[in-house]
C-alpha atoms as a PDB file:
ATOM      1  CA  MET A   1      11.359  57.147  12.593  1.00  0.00           C
ATOM      2  CA  ALA A   2      10.668  53.581  13.608  1.00  0.00           C
ATOM      3  CA  ASP A   3       8.976  51.413  11.006  1.00  0.00           C
ATOM      4  CA  ASP A   4       6.023  49.949  12.837  1.00  0.00           C
ATOM      5  CA  GLY A   5       4.560  48.424   9.675  1.00  0.00           C
ATOM      6  CA  ASN A   6       1.365  50.513   9.880  1.00  0.00           C
ATOM      7  CA  GLN A   7       2.478  53.404   7.696  1.00  0.00           C
ATOM      8  CA  THR A   8       0.769  52.705   4.390  1.00  0.00           C
ATOM      9  CA  THR A   9       1.880  56.033   2.921  1.00  0.00           C
ATOM     10  CA  SER A  10       5.543  55.097   3.038  1.00  0.00           C
ATOM     11  CA  ILE A  11       7.150  54.111  -0.236  1.00  0.00           C
ATOM     12  CA  VAL A  12       8.575  50.607  -0.184  1.00  0.00           C
ATOM     13  CA  GLU A  13      12.040  50.473  -1.732  1.00  0.00           C
ATOM     14  CA  GLY A  14      11.271  53.607  -3.728  1.00  0.00           C
ATOM     15  CA  THR A  15       8.617  51.930  -5.876  1.00  0.00           C
ATOM     16  CA  PRO A  16       4.839  52.194  -5.397  1.00  0.00           C
ATOM     17  CA  GLU A  17       3.315  48.945  -4.244  1.00  0.00           C
ATOM     18  CA  THR A  18       1.660  47.401  -7.254  1.00  0.00           C
ATOM     19  CA  LEU A  19      -1.272  45.078  -6.742  1.00  0.00           C
ATOM     20  CA  SER A  20      -0.492  41.514  -7.664  1.00  0.00           C
ATOM     21  CA  PRO A  21      -2.586  40.368 -10.623  1.00  0.00           C
ATOM     22  CA  PRO A  22      -5.567  38.225  -9.626  1.00  0.00           C
ATOM     23  CA  LYS A  23      -4.779  34.545  -9.650  1.00  0.00           C
ATOM     24  CA  THR A  24      -6.356  32.712 -12.513  1.00  0.00           C
ATOM     25  CA  PRO A  25      -8.642  30.062 -11.071  1.00  0.00           C
ATOM     26  CA  SER A  26      -7.226  26.611 -11.502  1.00  0.00           C
ATOM     27  CA  PRO A  27      -9.185  24.569 -14.039  1.00  0.00           C
ATOM     28  CA  PRO A  28     -11.549  22.060 -12.456  1.00  0.00           C
ATOM     29  CA  LYS A  29     -10.044  18.633 -12.081  1.00  0.00           C
ATOM     30  CA  THR A  30     -11.339  16.226 -14.646  1.00  0.00           C
ATOM     31  CA  PRO A  31     -12.849  13.264 -12.852  1.00  0.00           C
ATOM     32  CA  SER A  32     -10.660  10.220 -13.115  1.00  0.00           C
ATOM     33  CA  PRO A  33     -12.146   7.574 -15.400  1.00  0.00           C
ATOM     34  CA  PRO A  34     -13.661   4.622 -13.564  1.00  0.00           C
ATOM     35  CA  LYS A  35     -11.193   1.848 -13.003  1.00  0.00           C
ATOM     36  CA  THR A  36     -11.757  -1.078 -15.282  1.00  0.00           C
ATOM     37  CA  PRO A  37     -12.245  -4.193 -13.189  1.00  0.00           C
ATOM     38  CA  PRO A  38      -9.400  -6.673 -13.548  1.00  0.00           C
ATOM     39  CA  PRO A  39     -10.197  -9.517 -15.921  1.00  0.00           C
ATOM     40  CA  PRO A  40     -11.406 -12.664 -14.182  1.00  0.00           C
ATOM     41  CA  LYS A  41      -8.615 -15.047 -13.393  1.00  0.00           C
ATOM     42  CA  THR A  42      -8.440 -17.864 -15.857  1.00  0.00           C
ATOM     43  CA  PRO A  43      -8.632 -21.160 -14.010  1.00  0.00           C
ATOM     44  CA  SER A  44      -5.252 -22.747 -13.741  1.00  0.00           C
ATOM     45  CA  PRO A  45      -4.841 -25.630 -16.186  1.00  0.00           C
ATOM     46  CA  PRO A  46      -5.065 -29.099 -14.632  1.00  0.00           C
ATOM     47  CA  LYS A  47      -1.718 -30.256 -13.378  1.00  0.00           C
ATOM     48  CA  THR A  48      -0.012 -32.730 -15.618  1.00  0.00           C
ATOM     49  CA  PRO A  49       0.278 -36.083 -13.856  1.00  0.00           C
ATOM     50  CA  GLN A  50       3.573 -36.390 -12.071  1.00  0.00           C
ATOM     51  CA  VAL A  51       6.101 -38.727 -13.590  1.00  0.00           C
ATOM     52  CA  THR A  52       6.620 -41.727 -11.348  1.00  0.00           C
ATOM     53  CA  PRO A  53       9.891 -41.647  -9.374  1.00  0.00           C
ATOM     54  CA  ASP A  54      11.290 -44.561 -11.368  1.00  0.00           C
ATOM     55  CA  GLY A  55      11.448 -42.303 -14.372  1.00  0.00           C
ATOM     56  CA  GLY A  56       8.868 -44.063 -16.511  1.00  0.00           C
ATOM     57  CA  GLU A  57       5.464 -42.786 -17.482  1.00  0.00           C
ATOM     58  CA  ASP A  58       2.669 -43.537 -15.091  1.00  0.00           C
ATOM     59  CA  ASP A  59       1.213 -46.489 -16.921  1.00  0.00           C
ATOM     60  CA  ASP A  60       0.354 -50.033 -15.988  1.00  0.00           C
ATOM     61  CA  THR A  61       2.562 -51.802 -18.499  1.00  0.00           C
ATOM     62  CA  THR A  62       5.395 -53.738 -16.969  1.00  0.00           C
END
């Protein structure tokens, strides 16, 4: 006979259809800890005075 899929009394592959065990509920997700704010940027140190192009220190002595 044609298998129309509605015959619940038919044996599937010779074994009775066993009910699948109930799924265990997944544990609730733990809330992610709040992000710690990034530390404030430290102000950049003052730039060291540029050395004069002639190679000497930038001073007034001649």
